[in-house]
Amino acid sequence: MTKNNRTTTVILIRHGECEGNREGLFRGRTNFPLNGTGREQARSLAEAISYLSPSMVFSSPLTRATETATIISERCGAEMSIRQGFNNMALGKWENRKKTDIEQEYPEEWRLWLSHPERLQIAGGESLLDVRRRAFANLDTLVKHNLGGTFAVVTHRAVLKPLLAEVLDLGDPYFWKIHLDTASFSVLKHEEDRGYCLVSLNQTYHLERFISEWV
């Protein structure tokens, strides 16, 4: 690495478990707190990434993310900041609904969600392309302001997947080709002359239990 090619480390984190995960809901921007398991996961996660020494933790404004971020910032001695650009995907009429109910009430949209969610536009909500653009714009700004440093981003599955797709220049369909569990972390490196590189994905070795969501 040359003096003019500073390497920035980005730790991408999915928040710990909440009851919306356990109940099989489309959570969207419904404001679930962490449950007991989620708090345990966040503590284990904070310990696992402490060796990376993040100086900042940027969080989605939703409680399940901010609670995860607070635990990390306290363990790592990092400053915490809320970023609206990492808020979860707005899900419109699917918000806070059971996935099994959506499957019954909106069968055509449900099939699209399972096969090609990048083409789905939920009434009153965002598309994955909307999320991809805003999340990457926010990440790129943070990298430019923290060149050569290390920071963490705590957000949601439906934000991290399109964000990773943009970082890695993945075309559609990509959503179901990336798997991210609750309280997992992934690591990116960014070099000024080469851009982003994925170093690790969906690390869960620090967790005794977690929910794997496949839909």
N, C-alpha and C. Protein backbone atom coordinates (compact mmCIF):
# COMPACT_ATOMS: atom_id res chain seq x y z
N MET A 1 0.85 -1.20 0.00
CA MET A 1 0.00 0.00 0.00
C MET A 1 0.88 1.25 0.00
N THR A 2 0.66 2.16 -0.92
CA THR A 2 1.42 3.39 -0.98
C THR A 2 0.75 4.46 -0.13
N LYS A 3 1.48 5.54 0.08
CA LYS A 3 0.95 6.64 0.89
C LYS A 3 -0.34 7.19 0.31
N ASN A 4 -0.44 7.16 -1.03
CA ASN A 4 -1.61 7.73 -1.70
C ASN A 4 -2.71 6.71 -1.96
N ASN A 5 -2.58 5.54 -1.36
CA ASN A 5 -3.59 4.49 -1.56
C ASN A 5 -4.01 3.94 -0.20
N ARG A 6 -4.66 4.76 0.57
CA ARG A 6 -5.05 4.37 1.92
C ARG A 6 -6.15 3.31 1.90
N THR A 7 -6.03 2.34 2.79
CA THR A 7 -7.01 1.27 2.90
C THR A 7 -7.98 1.56 4.04
N THR A 8 -9.25 1.52 3.73
CA THR A 8 -10.32 1.73 4.71
C THR A 8 -11.03 0.41 4.94
N THR A 9 -11.29 0.09 6.20
CA THR A 9 -11.99 -1.14 6.56
C THR A 9 -13.42 -0.81 6.97
N VAL A 10 -14.37 -1.52 6.37
CA VAL A 10 -15.80 -1.32 6.66
C VAL A 10 -16.37 -2.64 7.18
N ILE A 11 -16.96 -2.60 8.37
CA ILE A 11 -17.60 -3.78 8.96
C ILE A 11 -19.10 -3.63 8.78
N LEU A 12 -19.69 -4.48 7.96
CA LEU A 12 -21.13 -4.43 7.70
C LEU A 12 -21.84 -5.43 8.61
N ILE A 13 -22.81 -4.94 9.36
CA ILE A 13 -23.43 -5.74 10.42
C ILE A 13 -24.95 -5.77 10.25
N ARG A 14 -25.50 -6.97 10.34
CA ARG A 14 -26.95 -7.10 10.45
C ARG A 14 -27.30 -7.11 11.94
N HIS A 15 -28.31 -6.35 12.31
CA HIS A 15 -28.72 -6.23 13.71
C HIS A 15 -29.04 -7.58 14.34
N GLY A 16 -29.07 -7.62 15.66
CA GLY A 16 -29.44 -8.83 16.39
C GLY A 16 -30.93 -9.15 16.26
N GLU A 17 -31.28 -10.30 16.79
CA GLU A 17 -32.65 -10.82 16.65
C GLU A 17 -33.67 -9.95 17.38
N CYS A 18 -34.84 -9.80 16.74
CA CYS A 18 -36.00 -9.16 17.37
C CYS A 18 -37.20 -10.10 17.20
N GLU A 19 -38.30 -9.77 17.86
CA GLU A 19 -39.46 -10.65 17.78
C GLU A 19 -40.04 -10.73 16.37
N GLY A 20 -39.85 -9.68 15.59
CA GLY A 20 -40.30 -9.73 14.21
C GLY A 20 -39.61 -10.82 13.41
N ASN A 21 -38.33 -11.07 13.71
CA ASN A 21 -37.63 -12.21 13.08
C ASN A 21 -38.26 -13.52 13.51
N ARG A 22 -38.47 -13.65 14.81
CA ARG A 22 -38.98 -14.90 15.36
C ARG A 22 -40.40 -15.19 14.88
N GLU A 23 -41.20 -14.15 14.67
CA GLU A 23 -42.60 -14.32 14.28
C GLU A 23 -42.81 -14.42 12.77
N GLY A 24 -41.74 -14.33 12.00
CA GLY A 24 -41.86 -14.46 10.55
C GLY A 24 -42.57 -13.29 9.89
N LEU A 25 -42.27 -12.07 10.33
CA LEU A 25 -42.90 -10.88 9.79
C LEU A 25 -42.01 -10.19 8.77
N PHE A 26 -42.63 -9.49 7.84
CA PHE A 26 -41.91 -8.49 7.06
C PHE A 26 -41.81 -7.25 7.95
N ARG A 27 -40.63 -6.97 8.44
CA ARG A 27 -40.47 -5.95 9.47
C ARG A 27 -40.42 -4.53 8.92
N GLY A 28 -39.69 -4.35 7.82
CA GLY A 28 -39.58 -3.03 7.24
C GLY A 28 -39.15 -2.00 8.26
N ARG A 29 -39.90 -0.92 8.37
CA ARG A 29 -39.55 0.16 9.29
C ARG A 29 -40.34 0.11 10.59
N THR A 30 -41.04 -1.00 10.83
CA THR A 30 -41.68 -1.20 12.13
C THR A 30 -40.59 -1.29 13.19
N ASN A 31 -40.79 -0.62 14.31
CA ASN A 31 -39.67 -0.38 15.23
C ASN A 31 -39.57 -1.43 16.33
N PHE A 32 -39.13 -2.62 15.99
CA PHE A 32 -38.93 -3.68 16.98
C PHE A 32 -37.63 -3.45 17.75
N PRO A 33 -37.65 -3.63 19.08
CA PRO A 33 -36.39 -3.66 19.83
C PRO A 33 -35.78 -5.06 19.73
N LEU A 34 -34.53 -5.18 20.16
CA LEU A 34 -33.92 -6.50 20.29
C LEU A 34 -34.66 -7.30 21.36
N ASN A 35 -34.76 -8.61 21.16
CA ASN A 35 -35.24 -9.47 22.25
C ASN A 35 -34.03 -9.96 23.05
N GLY A 36 -34.26 -10.83 24.02
CA GLY A 36 -33.17 -11.29 24.87
C GLY A 36 -32.06 -11.96 24.09
N THR A 37 -32.44 -12.80 23.14
CA THR A 37 -31.44 -13.46 22.29
C THR A 37 -30.66 -12.43 21.48
N GLY A 38 -31.37 -11.43 20.96
CA GLY A 38 -30.72 -10.39 20.17
C GLY A 38 -29.69 -9.61 20.97
N ARG A 39 -29.99 -9.34 22.23
CA ARG A 39 -29.01 -8.63 23.07
C ARG A 39 -27.78 -9.50 23.33
N GLU A 40 -28.01 -10.79 23.57
CA GLU A 40 -26.87 -11.71 23.73
C GLU A 40 -26.03 -11.75 22.46
N GLN A 41 -26.71 -11.81 21.32
CA GLN A 41 -25.99 -11.83 20.04
C GLN A 41 -25.16 -10.57 19.86
N ALA A 42 -25.74 -9.43 20.20
CA ALA A 42 -25.02 -8.16 20.02
C ALA A 42 -23.77 -8.11 20.89
N ARG A 43 -23.86 -8.62 22.10
CA ARG A 43 -22.68 -8.64 22.98
C ARG A 43 -21.59 -9.55 22.40
N SER A 44 -21.99 -10.72 21.90
CA SER A 44 -21.02 -11.63 21.29
C SER A 44 -20.42 -11.04 20.02
N LEU A 45 -21.26 -10.38 19.25
CA LEU A 45 -20.80 -9.71 18.04
C LEU A 45 -19.79 -8.62 18.36
N ALA A 46 -20.10 -7.81 19.35
CA ALA A 46 -19.19 -6.73 19.75
C ALA A 46 -17.83 -7.27 20.15
N GLU A 47 -17.83 -8.37 20.88
CA GLU A 47 -16.57 -9.00 21.28
C GLU A 47 -15.82 -9.52 20.06
N ALA A 48 -16.56 -10.12 19.12
CA ALA A 48 -15.93 -10.72 17.94
C ALA A 48 -15.24 -9.70 17.05
N ILE A 49 -15.82 -8.51 16.92
CA ILE A 49 -15.23 -7.51 16.02
C ILE A 49 -14.32 -6.53 16.73
N SER A 50 -14.16 -6.67 18.03
CA SER A 50 -13.37 -5.69 18.79
C SER A 50 -11.93 -5.63 18.30
N TYR A 51 -11.40 -6.75 17.79
CA TYR A 51 -10.01 -6.75 17.32
C TYR A 51 -9.81 -5.84 16.11
N LEU A 52 -10.89 -5.52 15.40
CA LEU A 52 -10.82 -4.63 14.25
C LEU A 52 -10.77 -3.16 14.65
N SER A 53 -11.11 -2.87 15.91
CA SER A 53 -11.01 -1.53 16.50
C SER A 53 -11.69 -0.44 15.68
N PRO A 54 -13.00 -0.59 15.42
CA PRO A 54 -13.69 0.50 14.71
C PRO A 54 -13.72 1.76 15.56
N SER A 55 -13.51 2.90 14.92
CA SER A 55 -13.55 4.17 15.64
C SER A 55 -14.93 4.80 15.61
N MET A 56 -15.77 4.36 14.65
CA MET A 56 -17.13 4.87 14.51
C MET A 56 -18.07 3.71 14.23
N VAL A 57 -19.31 3.85 14.72
CA VAL A 57 -20.37 2.90 14.41
C VAL A 57 -21.55 3.71 13.88
N PHE A 58 -21.90 3.49 12.62
CA PHE A 58 -23.02 4.18 11.99
C PHE A 58 -24.21 3.23 11.95
N SER A 59 -25.38 3.74 12.32
CA SER A 59 -26.54 2.86 12.51
C SER A 59 -27.78 3.36 11.79
N SER A 60 -28.57 2.41 11.31
CA SER A 60 -29.96 2.67 10.95
C SER A 60 -30.66 3.30 12.15
N PRO A 61 -31.69 4.12 11.93
CA PRO A 61 -32.39 4.74 13.06
C PRO A 61 -33.32 3.80 13.82
N LEU A 62 -33.59 2.61 13.32
CA LEU A 62 -34.53 1.71 13.98
C LEU A 62 -33.91 1.09 15.23
N THR A 63 -34.76 0.86 16.24
CA THR A 63 -34.28 0.47 17.56
C THR A 63 -33.46 -0.80 17.56
N ARG A 64 -33.85 -1.80 16.78
CA ARG A 64 -33.10 -3.05 16.77
C ARG A 64 -31.67 -2.84 16.27
N ALA A 65 -31.49 -1.85 15.41
CA ALA A 65 -30.15 -1.51 14.93
C ALA A 65 -29.40 -0.63 15.93
N THR A 66 -30.08 0.39 16.48
CA THR A 66 -29.38 1.29 17.41
C THR A 66 -28.98 0.57 18.69
N GLU A 67 -29.80 -0.37 19.15
CA GLU A 67 -29.42 -1.14 20.34
C GLU A 67 -28.20 -2.01 20.05
N THR A 68 -28.16 -2.62 18.88
CA THR A 68 -26.98 -3.40 18.48
C THR A 68 -25.76 -2.49 18.40
N ALA A 69 -25.92 -1.34 17.76
CA ALA A 69 -24.82 -0.40 17.58
C ALA A 69 -24.31 0.14 18.91
N THR A 70 -25.21 0.40 19.84
CA THR A 70 -24.80 0.92 21.15
C THR A 70 -23.92 -0.09 21.89
N ILE A 71 -24.32 -1.35 21.86
CA ILE A 71 -23.52 -2.39 22.52
C ILE A 71 -22.14 -2.48 21.88
N ILE A 72 -22.07 -2.38 20.57
CA ILE A 72 -20.78 -2.43 19.87
C ILE A 72 -19.94 -1.22 20.22
N SER A 73 -20.53 -0.04 20.18
CA SER A 73 -19.76 1.18 20.44
C SER A 73 -19.21 1.20 21.85
N GLU A 74 -19.99 0.71 22.81
CA GLU A 74 -19.52 0.67 24.19
C GLU A 74 -18.36 -0.31 24.35
N ARG A 75 -18.46 -1.48 23.72
CA ARG A 75 -17.39 -2.48 23.84
C ARG A 75 -16.12 -2.02 23.13
N CYS A 76 -16.27 -1.36 21.99
CA CYS A 76 -15.12 -1.00 21.16
C CYS A 76 -14.60 0.41 21.43
N GLY A 77 -15.27 1.15 22.30
CA GLY A 77 -14.86 2.52 22.57
C GLY A 77 -15.01 3.41 21.35
N ALA A 78 -16.05 3.16 20.57
CA ALA A 78 -16.28 3.88 19.32
C ALA A 78 -17.42 4.87 19.47
N GLU A 79 -17.35 5.94 18.71
CA GLU A 79 -18.45 6.90 18.66
C GLU A 79 -19.57 6.33 17.80
N MET A 80 -20.81 6.60 18.18
CA MET A 80 -21.96 6.10 17.42
C MET A 80 -22.72 7.26 16.78
N SER A 81 -23.21 7.03 15.57
CA SER A 81 -23.95 8.06 14.84
C SER A 81 -25.09 7.41 14.05
N ILE A 82 -26.26 8.03 14.07
CA ILE A 82 -27.42 7.54 13.32
C ILE A 82 -27.36 8.07 11.89
N ARG A 83 -27.66 7.20 10.92
CA ARG A 83 -27.70 7.59 9.51
C ARG A 83 -29.02 7.12 8.89
N GLN A 84 -29.85 8.09 8.50
CA GLN A 84 -31.13 7.75 7.89
C GLN A 84 -30.95 6.95 6.60
N GLY A 85 -29.84 7.15 5.93
CA GLY A 85 -29.59 6.45 4.67
C GLY A 85 -29.45 4.95 4.81
N PHE A 86 -29.27 4.47 6.05
CA PHE A 86 -29.19 3.03 6.30
C PHE A 86 -30.48 2.48 6.92
N ASN A 87 -31.55 3.29 6.89
CA ASN A 87 -32.85 2.80 7.38
C ASN A 87 -33.28 1.59 6.55
N ASN A 88 -34.12 0.76 7.13
CA ASN A 88 -34.57 -0.43 6.42
C ASN A 88 -35.42 -0.06 5.21
N MET A 89 -35.57 -1.01 4.33
CA MET A 89 -36.42 -0.85 3.15
C MET A 89 -37.86 -0.58 3.57
N ALA A 90 -38.47 0.44 3.00
CA ALA A 90 -39.88 0.73 3.27
C ALA A 90 -40.73 -0.29 2.51
N LEU A 91 -41.60 -1.00 3.22
CA LEU A 91 -42.33 -2.13 2.64
C LEU A 91 -43.81 -1.87 2.38
N GLY A 92 -44.26 -0.63 2.59
CA GLY A 92 -45.62 -0.29 2.22
C GLY A 92 -46.65 -1.22 2.83
N LYS A 93 -47.52 -1.79 2.00
CA LYS A 93 -48.63 -2.62 2.48
C LYS A 93 -48.16 -3.95 3.08
N TRP A 94 -46.90 -4.32 2.90
CA TRP A 94 -46.37 -5.54 3.50
C TRP A 94 -45.82 -5.31 4.91
N GLU A 95 -45.75 -4.07 5.30
CA GLU A 95 -45.13 -3.70 6.58
C GLU A 95 -45.79 -4.41 7.76
N ASN A 96 -44.96 -5.06 8.58
CA ASN A 96 -45.41 -5.70 9.83
C ASN A 96 -46.47 -6.77 9.58
N ARG A 97 -46.42 -7.41 8.41
CA ARG A 97 -47.35 -8.49 8.08
C ARG A 97 -46.61 -9.82 8.09
N LYS A 98 -47.33 -10.88 8.47
CA LYS A 98 -46.74 -12.22 8.43
C LYS A 98 -46.46 -12.62 6.98
N LYS A 99 -45.33 -13.24 6.77
CA LYS A 99 -44.98 -13.68 5.42
C LYS A 99 -46.00 -14.69 4.89
N THR A 100 -46.51 -15.55 5.76
CA THR A 100 -47.51 -16.53 5.33
C THR A 100 -48.80 -15.84 4.87
N ASP A 101 -49.16 -14.72 5.50
CA ASP A 101 -50.35 -13.97 5.07
C ASP A 101 -50.13 -13.30 3.72
N ILE A 102 -48.95 -12.73 3.54
CA ILE A 102 -48.63 -12.10 2.25
C ILE A 102 -48.68 -13.13 1.13
N GLU A 103 -48.17 -14.32 1.40
CA GLU A 103 -48.20 -15.40 0.40
C GLU A 103 -49.63 -15.70 -0.04
N GLN A 104 -50.58 -15.67 0.90
CA GLN A 104 -51.98 -15.98 0.58
C GLN A 104 -52.68 -14.81 -0.09
N GLU A 105 -52.42 -13.58 0.37
CA GLU A 105 -53.16 -12.42 -0.11
C GLU A 105 -52.62 -11.85 -1.42
N TYR A 106 -51.33 -11.99 -1.64
CA TYR A 106 -50.70 -11.40 -2.83
C TYR A 106 -49.84 -12.46 -3.53
N PRO A 107 -50.47 -13.51 -4.07
CA PRO A 107 -49.70 -14.65 -4.60
C PRO A 107 -48.75 -14.28 -5.74
N GLU A 108 -49.16 -13.37 -6.62
CA GLU A 108 -48.29 -13.01 -7.74
C GLU A 108 -47.07 -12.24 -7.26
N GLU A 109 -47.30 -11.28 -6.36
CA GLU A 109 -46.18 -10.52 -5.82
C GLU A 109 -45.27 -11.41 -4.98
N TRP A 110 -45.89 -12.34 -4.26
CA TRP A 110 -45.10 -13.27 -3.45
C TRP A 110 -44.18 -14.11 -4.34
N ARG A 111 -44.68 -14.59 -5.46
CA ARG A 111 -43.85 -15.38 -6.37
C ARG A 111 -42.69 -14.55 -6.91
N LEU A 112 -42.96 -13.28 -7.16
CA LEU A 112 -41.90 -12.39 -7.63
C LEU A 112 -40.87 -12.17 -6.53
N TRP A 113 -41.34 -12.04 -5.29
CA TRP A 113 -40.42 -11.89 -4.15
C TRP A 113 -39.48 -13.09 -4.05
N LEU A 114 -40.00 -14.28 -4.30
CA LEU A 114 -39.18 -15.49 -4.19
C LEU A 114 -38.25 -15.69 -5.38
N SER A 115 -38.63 -15.17 -6.55
CA SER A 115 -37.87 -15.46 -7.76
C SER A 115 -37.00 -14.30 -8.24
N HIS A 116 -37.53 -13.08 -8.16
CA HIS A 116 -36.81 -11.93 -8.72
C HIS A 116 -37.24 -10.67 -7.97
N PRO A 117 -36.91 -10.56 -6.67
CA PRO A 117 -37.39 -9.42 -5.88
C PRO A 117 -36.89 -8.07 -6.38
N GLU A 118 -35.84 -8.07 -7.18
CA GLU A 118 -35.34 -6.81 -7.74
C GLU A 118 -36.37 -6.14 -8.64
N ARG A 119 -37.32 -6.92 -9.15
CA ARG A 119 -38.37 -6.37 -10.03
C ARG A 119 -39.63 -5.96 -9.26
N LEU A 120 -39.64 -6.21 -7.98
CA LEU A 120 -40.85 -5.99 -7.18
C LEU A 120 -40.96 -4.54 -6.72
N GLN A 121 -42.14 -3.98 -6.90
CA GLN A 121 -42.44 -2.65 -6.37
C GLN A 121 -43.69 -2.77 -5.52
N ILE A 122 -43.53 -2.80 -4.21
CA ILE A 122 -44.65 -2.93 -3.29
C ILE A 122 -45.35 -1.58 -3.16
N ALA A 123 -46.68 -1.59 -3.23
CA ALA A 123 -47.44 -0.34 -3.13
C ALA A 123 -47.09 0.39 -1.84
N GLY A 124 -46.70 1.65 -1.98
CA GLY A 124 -46.36 2.46 -0.82
C GLY A 124 -44.97 2.23 -0.28
N GLY A 125 -44.17 1.41 -0.96
CA GLY A 125 -42.84 1.08 -0.47
C GLY A 125 -41.75 1.44 -1.46
N GLU A 126 -40.54 1.01 -1.13
CA GLU A 126 -39.38 1.22 -1.98
C GLU A 126 -39.12 -0.01 -2.84
N SER A 127 -38.36 0.18 -3.89
CA SER A 127 -37.80 -0.94 -4.64
C SER A 127 -36.39 -1.22 -4.11
N LEU A 128 -35.87 -2.40 -4.42
CA LEU A 128 -34.50 -2.71 -4.02
C LEU A 128 -33.50 -1.79 -4.72
N LEU A 129 -33.83 -1.32 -5.91
CA LEU A 129 -32.96 -0.36 -6.59
C LEU A 129 -32.90 0.95 -5.82
N ASP A 130 -34.04 1.41 -5.29
CA ASP A 130 -34.04 2.61 -4.45
C ASP A 130 -33.08 2.44 -3.28
N VAL A 131 -33.18 1.30 -2.62
CA VAL A 131 -32.35 1.03 -1.44
C VAL A 131 -30.88 0.95 -1.85
N ARG A 132 -30.63 0.26 -2.93
CA ARG A 132 -29.25 0.10 -3.42
C ARG A 132 -28.58 1.45 -3.63
N ARG A 133 -29.30 2.37 -4.26
CA ARG A 133 -28.73 3.68 -4.56
C ARG A 133 -28.47 4.50 -3.30
N ARG A 134 -29.44 4.54 -2.41
CA ARG A 134 -29.27 5.40 -1.22
C ARG A 134 -28.24 4.82 -0.25
N ALA A 135 -28.24 3.50 -0.09
CA ALA A 135 -27.29 2.89 0.84
C ALA A 135 -25.86 3.05 0.35
N PHE A 136 -25.64 2.85 -0.95
CA PHE A 136 -24.28 3.00 -1.48
C PHE A 136 -23.83 4.45 -1.42
N ALA A 137 -24.70 5.39 -1.72
CA ALA A 137 -24.34 6.81 -1.64
C ALA A 137 -23.87 7.16 -0.23
N ASN A 138 -24.57 6.64 0.78
CA ASN A 138 -24.19 6.90 2.16
C ASN A 138 -22.87 6.23 2.51
N LEU A 139 -22.69 4.97 2.09
CA LEU A 139 -21.44 4.28 2.38
C LEU A 139 -20.26 4.99 1.73
N ASP A 140 -20.41 5.36 0.47
CA ASP A 140 -19.30 6.00 -0.24
C ASP A 140 -18.91 7.32 0.41
N THR A 141 -19.89 8.08 0.88
CA THR A 141 -19.60 9.32 1.59
C THR A 141 -18.82 9.05 2.87
N LEU A 142 -19.23 8.03 3.62
CA LEU A 142 -18.53 7.71 4.86
C LEU A 142 -17.10 7.26 4.60
N VAL A 143 -16.89 6.48 3.55
CA VAL A 143 -15.53 6.05 3.21
C VAL A 143 -14.66 7.26 2.89
N LYS A 144 -15.18 8.19 2.11
CA LYS A 144 -14.40 9.37 1.74
C LYS A 144 -14.05 10.22 2.95
N HIS A 145 -14.91 10.20 3.97
CA HIS A 145 -14.65 10.98 5.18
C HIS A 145 -13.83 10.23 6.22
N ASN A 146 -13.57 8.95 5.98
CA ASN A 146 -12.83 8.13 6.96
C ASN A 146 -11.71 7.34 6.28
N LEU A 147 -11.06 7.93 5.29
CA LEU A 147 -10.02 7.24 4.54
C LEU A 147 -8.91 6.75 5.46
N GLY A 148 -8.57 5.47 5.31
CA GLY A 148 -7.52 4.89 6.13
C GLY A 148 -7.97 4.41 7.48
N GLY A 149 -9.24 4.61 7.81
CA GLY A 149 -9.77 4.22 9.11
C GLY A 149 -10.58 2.94 9.06
N THR A 150 -11.23 2.66 10.18
CA THR A 150 -12.11 1.49 10.30
C THR A 150 -13.42 1.93 10.93
N PHE A 151 -14.53 1.58 10.31
CA PHE A 151 -15.83 1.90 10.90
C PHE A 151 -16.81 0.77 10.63
N ALA A 152 -17.88 0.74 11.42
CA ALA A 152 -18.93 -0.28 11.30
C ALA A 152 -20.23 0.38 10.87
N VAL A 153 -21.04 -0.38 10.14
CA VAL A 153 -22.39 0.03 9.75
C VAL A 153 -23.35 -1.04 10.23
N VAL A 154 -24.32 -0.66 11.05
CA VAL A 154 -25.33 -1.59 11.56
C VAL A 154 -26.65 -1.30 10.86
N THR A 155 -27.14 -2.27 10.12
CA THR A 155 -28.36 -2.04 9.36
C THR A 155 -29.12 -3.36 9.18
N HIS A 156 -29.79 -3.54 8.06
CA HIS A 156 -30.79 -4.60 7.89
C HIS A 156 -30.47 -5.46 6.67
N ARG A 157 -31.03 -6.65 6.65
CA ARG A 157 -30.81 -7.58 5.54
C ARG A 157 -31.15 -6.95 4.20
N ALA A 158 -32.31 -6.28 4.12
CA ALA A 158 -32.78 -5.71 2.86
C ALA A 158 -32.05 -4.43 2.48
N VAL A 159 -31.12 -4.00 3.32
CA VAL A 159 -30.21 -2.90 2.97
C VAL A 159 -28.83 -3.46 2.61
N LEU A 160 -28.37 -4.41 3.40
CA LEU A 160 -27.04 -4.97 3.19
C LEU A 160 -26.91 -5.70 1.86
N LYS A 161 -27.94 -6.46 1.48
CA LYS A 161 -27.84 -7.21 0.23
C LYS A 161 -27.71 -6.30 -0.99
N PRO A 162 -28.60 -5.31 -1.18
CA PRO A 162 -28.40 -4.41 -2.32
C PRO A 162 -27.13 -3.57 -2.21
N LEU A 163 -26.73 -3.24 -0.99
CA LEU A 163 -25.48 -2.50 -0.82
C LEU A 163 -24.29 -3.34 -1.30
N LEU A 164 -24.24 -4.59 -0.89
CA LEU A 164 -23.17 -5.48 -1.34
C LEU A 164 -23.22 -5.68 -2.86
N ALA A 165 -24.42 -5.76 -3.41
CA ALA A 165 -24.54 -5.91 -4.86
C ALA A 165 -23.93 -4.72 -5.59
N GLU A 166 -24.15 -3.53 -5.07
CA GLU A 166 -23.58 -2.33 -5.70
C GLU A 166 -22.07 -2.30 -5.53
N VAL A 167 -21.60 -2.59 -4.34
CA VAL A 167 -20.16 -2.59 -4.06
C VAL A 167 -19.43 -3.58 -4.97
N LEU A 168 -20.03 -4.74 -5.19
CA LEU A 168 -19.39 -5.80 -5.97
C LEU A 168 -19.80 -5.80 -7.43
N ASP A 169 -20.60 -4.80 -7.82
CA ASP A 169 -21.04 -4.65 -9.21
C ASP A 169 -21.79 -5.88 -9.70
N LEU A 170 -22.71 -6.37 -8.87
CA LEU A 170 -23.51 -7.54 -9.23
C LEU A 170 -24.77 -7.10 -9.97
N GLY A 171 -25.09 -7.79 -11.05
CA GLY A 171 -26.33 -7.53 -11.77
C GLY A 171 -27.48 -8.33 -11.18
N ASP A 172 -28.68 -8.05 -11.68
CA ASP A 172 -29.87 -8.79 -11.25
C ASP A 172 -29.90 -10.16 -11.92
N PRO A 173 -30.47 -11.16 -11.25
CA PRO A 173 -30.91 -11.16 -9.86
C PRO A 173 -29.75 -11.48 -8.92
N TYR A 174 -29.71 -10.81 -7.79
CA TYR A 174 -28.64 -11.02 -6.82
C TYR A 174 -29.16 -11.33 -5.41
N PHE A 175 -30.40 -10.92 -5.10
CA PHE A 175 -30.85 -10.87 -3.71
C PHE A 175 -30.75 -12.22 -3.02
N TRP A 176 -31.18 -13.29 -3.67
CA TRP A 176 -31.16 -14.61 -3.04
C TRP A 176 -29.84 -15.33 -3.23
N LYS A 177 -28.87 -14.67 -3.84
CA LYS A 177 -27.53 -15.24 -3.97
C LYS A 177 -26.61 -14.81 -2.83
N ILE A 178 -27.10 -13.93 -1.98
CA ILE A 178 -26.35 -13.46 -0.81
C ILE A 178 -27.14 -13.83 0.43
N HIS A 179 -26.51 -14.47 1.39
CA HIS A 179 -27.20 -14.85 2.63
C HIS A 179 -26.56 -14.15 3.82
N LEU A 180 -27.40 -13.55 4.66
CA LEU A 180 -26.93 -12.82 5.83
C LEU A 180 -27.82 -13.15 7.02
N ASP A 181 -27.23 -13.67 8.08
CA ASP A 181 -27.98 -14.03 9.28
C ASP A 181 -28.03 -12.87 10.27
N THR A 182 -28.96 -12.97 11.23
CA THR A 182 -29.02 -11.96 12.29
C THR A 182 -27.70 -11.94 13.06
N ALA A 183 -27.24 -10.73 13.38
CA ALA A 183 -26.02 -10.51 14.16
C ALA A 183 -24.77 -11.05 13.48
N SER A 184 -24.82 -11.19 12.17
CA SER A 184 -23.63 -11.56 11.41
C SER A 184 -22.85 -10.30 11.04
N PHE A 185 -21.57 -10.50 10.70
CA PHE A 185 -20.80 -9.37 10.18
C PHE A 185 -20.04 -9.79 8.93
N SER A 186 -19.83 -8.83 8.07
CA SER A 186 -19.06 -8.99 6.84
C SER A 186 -18.05 -7.84 6.79
N VAL A 187 -16.94 -8.06 6.11
CA VAL A 187 -15.88 -7.06 6.09
C VAL A 187 -15.54 -6.68 4.65
N LEU A 188 -15.50 -5.38 4.41
CA LEU A 188 -15.03 -4.82 3.14
C LEU A 188 -13.73 -4.07 3.36
N LYS A 189 -12.87 -4.09 2.37
CA LYS A 189 -11.72 -3.20 2.31
C LYS A 189 -11.91 -2.26 1.13
N HIS A 190 -11.51 -1.02 1.30
CA HIS A 190 -11.58 -0.05 0.21
C HIS A 190 -10.22 0.59 0.03
N GLU A 191 -9.70 0.53 -1.19
CA GLU A 191 -8.47 1.22 -1.54
C GLU A 191 -8.79 2.29 -2.57
N GLU A 192 -8.12 3.44 -2.44
CA GLU A 192 -8.47 4.59 -3.27
C GLU A 192 -8.33 4.31 -4.76
N ASP A 193 -7.34 3.51 -5.17
CA ASP A 193 -7.14 3.30 -6.60
C ASP A 193 -7.77 2.01 -7.12
N ARG A 194 -8.34 1.19 -6.22
CA ARG A 194 -8.93 -0.08 -6.65
C ARG A 194 -10.37 -0.27 -6.23
N GLY A 195 -10.87 0.58 -5.35
CA GLY A 195 -12.26 0.46 -4.92
C GLY A 195 -12.45 -0.58 -3.84
N TYR A 196 -13.61 -1.25 -3.87
CA TYR A 196 -14.02 -2.15 -2.79
C TYR A 196 -13.63 -3.60 -3.06
N CYS A 197 -13.33 -4.30 -1.96
CA CYS A 197 -13.04 -5.73 -2.01
C CYS A 197 -13.75 -6.40 -0.84
N LEU A 198 -14.48 -7.48 -1.10
CA LEU A 198 -15.13 -8.24 -0.03
C LEU A 198 -14.12 -9.20 0.58
N VAL A 199 -13.88 -9.04 1.88
CA VAL A 199 -12.90 -9.86 2.59
C VAL A 199 -13.56 -11.05 3.27
N SER A 200 -14.72 -10.83 3.88
CA SER A 200 -15.46 -11.93 4.52
C SER A 200 -16.94 -11.61 4.49
N LEU A 201 -17.76 -12.69 4.53
CA LEU A 201 -19.21 -12.54 4.39
C LEU A 201 -19.93 -13.40 5.42
N ASN A 202 -20.95 -12.81 6.06
CA ASN A 202 -21.86 -13.55 6.94
C ASN A 202 -21.13 -14.35 8.02
N GLN A 203 -20.23 -13.69 8.73
CA GLN A 203 -19.51 -14.35 9.81
C GLN A 203 -20.44 -14.54 11.02
N THR A 204 -20.59 -15.79 11.46
CA THR A 204 -21.49 -16.11 12.58
C THR A 204 -20.82 -17.00 13.62
N TYR A 205 -19.51 -17.16 13.55
CA TYR A 205 -18.81 -18.08 14.45
C TYR A 205 -18.95 -17.69 15.92
N HIS A 206 -19.28 -16.43 16.17
CA HIS A 206 -19.40 -15.92 17.53
C HIS A 206 -20.76 -16.21 18.15
N LEU A 207 -21.70 -16.76 17.38
CA LEU A 207 -23.08 -16.94 17.83
C LEU A 207 -23.36 -18.38 18.21
N GLU A 208 -24.02 -18.56 19.35
CA GLU A 208 -24.47 -19.90 19.74
C GLU A 208 -25.77 -20.27 19.05
N ARG A 209 -26.60 -19.27 18.77
CA ARG A 209 -27.89 -19.51 18.11
C ARG A 209 -28.30 -18.27 17.34
N PHE A 210 -28.94 -18.53 16.21
CA PHE A 210 -29.44 -17.43 15.39
C PHE A 210 -30.48 -17.98 14.42
N ILE A 211 -31.30 -17.07 13.89
CA ILE A 211 -32.34 -17.46 12.95
C ILE A 211 -31.82 -17.24 11.53
N SER A 212 -31.90 -18.29 10.70
CA SER A 212 -31.59 -18.15 9.28
C SER A 212 -32.90 -17.96 8.52
N GLU A 213 -33.03 -16.81 7.89
CA GLU A 213 -34.24 -16.50 7.11
C GLU A 213 -33.94 -16.69 5.63
N TRP A 214 -34.72 -17.56 5.00
CA TRP A 214 -34.49 -17.87 3.59
C TRP A 214 -35.55 -17.29 2.68
N VAL A 215 -36.56 -16.60 3.24
CA VAL A 215 -37.56 -15.90 2.43
C VAL A 215 -37.80 -14.53 3.04
